Amino acid sequence: MIKTLIKKGWTKNEIVYEVQRIYGNDVLILKTRLDDQRGVVGKFGMPFFLVTACTTLVLIQRRRTLQA
């Protein structure tokens, strides 16, 4: 079945979802093996937010120490 879907040009994600549809959620796959279909915000949004928040906190702390 998988060879047939590959010959038809299905992507990895489509094949996994089809196999899970037929055989149920007992089909196990590592998430790292799937293609990442998220956008830029989905991939890098949280790390960017965390770096920005930490940098802001450090700058606020330094500003307070310089004013004292």
C-alpha atoms as a PDB file:
ATOM      1  CA  MET A   1       0.000   0.000   0.000  1.00  0.00           C
ATOM      2  CA  ILE A   2       2.755   2.434   0.941  1.00  0.00           C
ATOM      3  CA  LYS A   3       4.688   1.690  -2.272  1.00  0.00           C
ATOM      4  CA  THR A   4       1.538   2.424  -4.291  1.00  0.00           C
ATOM      5  CA  LEU A   5       1.006   5.765  -2.548  1.00  0.00           C
ATOM      6  CA  ILE A   6       4.656   6.697  -3.105  1.00  0.00           C
ATOM      7  CA  LYS A   7       4.300   5.920  -6.813  1.00  0.00           C
ATOM      8  CA  LYS A   8       1.221   8.170  -6.913  1.00  0.00           C
ATOM      9  CA  GLY A   9       3.353  11.032  -5.525  1.00  0.00           C
ATOM     10  CA  TRP A  10       1.881  11.345  -2.058  1.00  0.00           C
ATOM     11  CA  THR A  11       3.930  13.171   0.569  1.00  0.00           C
ATOM     12  CA  LYS A  12       5.175  11.556   3.771  1.00  0.00           C
ATOM     13  CA  ASN A  13       2.518  13.267   5.852  1.00  0.00           C
ATOM     14  CA  GLU A  14      -0.298  12.219   3.524  1.00  0.00           C
ATOM     15  CA  ILE A  15       0.871   8.608   3.596  1.00  0.00           C
ATOM     16  CA  VAL A  16       1.079   8.545   7.399  1.00  0.00           C
ATOM     17  CA  TYR A  17      -2.373  10.104   7.779  1.00  0.00           C
ATOM     18  CA  GLU A  18      -3.835   7.602   5.293  1.00  0.00           C
ATOM     19  CA  VAL A  19      -2.251   4.628   7.081  1.00  0.00           C
ATOM     20  CA  GLN A  20      -3.544   5.972  10.414  1.00  0.00           C
ATOM     21  CA  ARG A  21      -7.001   6.421   8.890  1.00  0.00           C
ATOM     22  CA  ILE A  22      -7.061   2.798   7.763  1.00  0.00           C
ATOM     23  CA  TYR A  23      -5.303   1.084  10.664  1.00  0.00           C
ATOM     24  CA  GLY A  24      -6.152   3.524  13.444  1.00  0.00           C
ATOM     25  CA  ASN A  25      -3.955   5.374  15.899  1.00  0.00           C
ATOM     26  CA  ASP A  26      -1.955   2.227  16.624  1.00  0.00           C
ATOM     27  CA  VAL A  27       0.350   3.307  13.806  1.00  0.00           C
ATOM     28  CA  LEU A  28       3.388   4.806  15.517  1.00  0.00           C
ATOM     29  CA  ILE A  29       5.678   7.361  13.913  1.00  0.00           C
ATOM     30  CA  LEU A  30       8.291   9.718  15.242  1.00  0.00           C
ATOM     31  CA  LYS A  31       7.230  13.345  14.878  1.00  0.00           C
ATOM     32  CA  THR A  32      10.750  14.180  13.635  1.00  0.00           C
ATOM     33  CA  ARG A  33      10.156  11.931  10.589  1.00  0.00           C
ATOM     34  CA  LEU A  34       7.206  14.019   9.381  1.00  0.00           C
ATOM     35  CA  ASP A  35       7.612  17.081   7.191  1.00  0.00           C
ATOM     36  CA  ASP A  36       7.194  20.315   9.133  1.00  0.00           C
ATOM     37  CA  GLN A  37       4.328  22.226   7.525  1.00  0.00           C
ATOM     38  CA  ARG A  38       4.137  25.090   9.990  1.00  0.00           C
ATOM     39  CA  GLY A  39       4.714  28.645   8.857  1.00  0.00           C
ATOM     40  CA  VAL A  40       7.488  30.968   9.997  1.00  0.00           C
ATOM     41  CA  VAL A  41       5.539  32.147  13.043  1.00  0.00           C
ATOM     42  CA  GLY A  42       4.776  28.576  14.074  1.00  0.00           C
ATOM     43  CA  LYS A  43       8.413  27.529  13.791  1.00  0.00           C
ATOM     44  CA  PHE A  44      10.188  30.556  15.214  1.00  0.00           C
ATOM     45  CA  GLY A  45       7.495  32.534  17.064  1.00  0.00           C
ATOM     46  CA  MET A  46       8.029  31.157  20.585  1.00  0.00           C
ATOM     47  CA  PRO A  47      11.869  31.239  20.572  1.00  0.00           C
ATOM     48  CA  PHE A  48      11.772  34.798  19.208  1.00  0.00           C
ATOM     49  CA  PHE A  49       9.299  35.823  21.912  1.00  0.00           C
ATOM     50  CA  LEU A  50      11.419  34.262  24.674  1.00  0.00           C
ATOM     51  CA  VAL A  51      14.639  35.920  23.485  1.00  0.00           C
ATOM     52  CA  THR A  52      12.887  39.279  23.190  1.00  0.00           C
ATOM     53  CA  ALA A  53      11.336  38.966  26.659  1.00  0.00           C
ATOM     54  CA  CYS A  54      14.632  37.976  28.315  1.00  0.00           C
ATOM     55  CA  THR A  55      16.525  40.760  26.551  1.00  0.00           C
ATOM     56  CA  THR A  56      13.911  43.291  27.663  1.00  0.00           C
ATOM     57  CA  LEU A  57      14.158  42.129  31.278  1.00  0.00           C
ATOM     58  CA  VAL A  58      17.960  42.373  31.243  1.00  0.00           C
ATOM     59  CA  LEU A  59      17.857  45.866  29.723  1.00  0.00           C
ATOM     60  CA  ILE A  60      15.306  47.051  32.298  1.00  0.00           C
ATOM     61  CA  GLN A  61      17.452  45.662  35.120  1.00  0.00           C
ATOM     62  CA  ARG A  62      20.595  47.358  33.787  1.00  0.00           C
ATOM     63  CA  ARG A  63      18.755  50.647  33.385  1.00  0.00           C
ATOM     64  CA  ARG A  64      17.609  50.508  37.020  1.00  0.00           C
ATOM     65  CA  THR A  65      21.143  49.779  38.269  1.00  0.00           C
ATOM     66  CA  LEU A  66      22.576  52.678  36.241  1.00  0.00           C
ATOM     67  CA  GLN A  67      19.974  55.102  37.610  1.00  0.00           C
ATOM     68  CA  ALA A  68      20.658  54.165  41.215  1.00  0.00           C
END
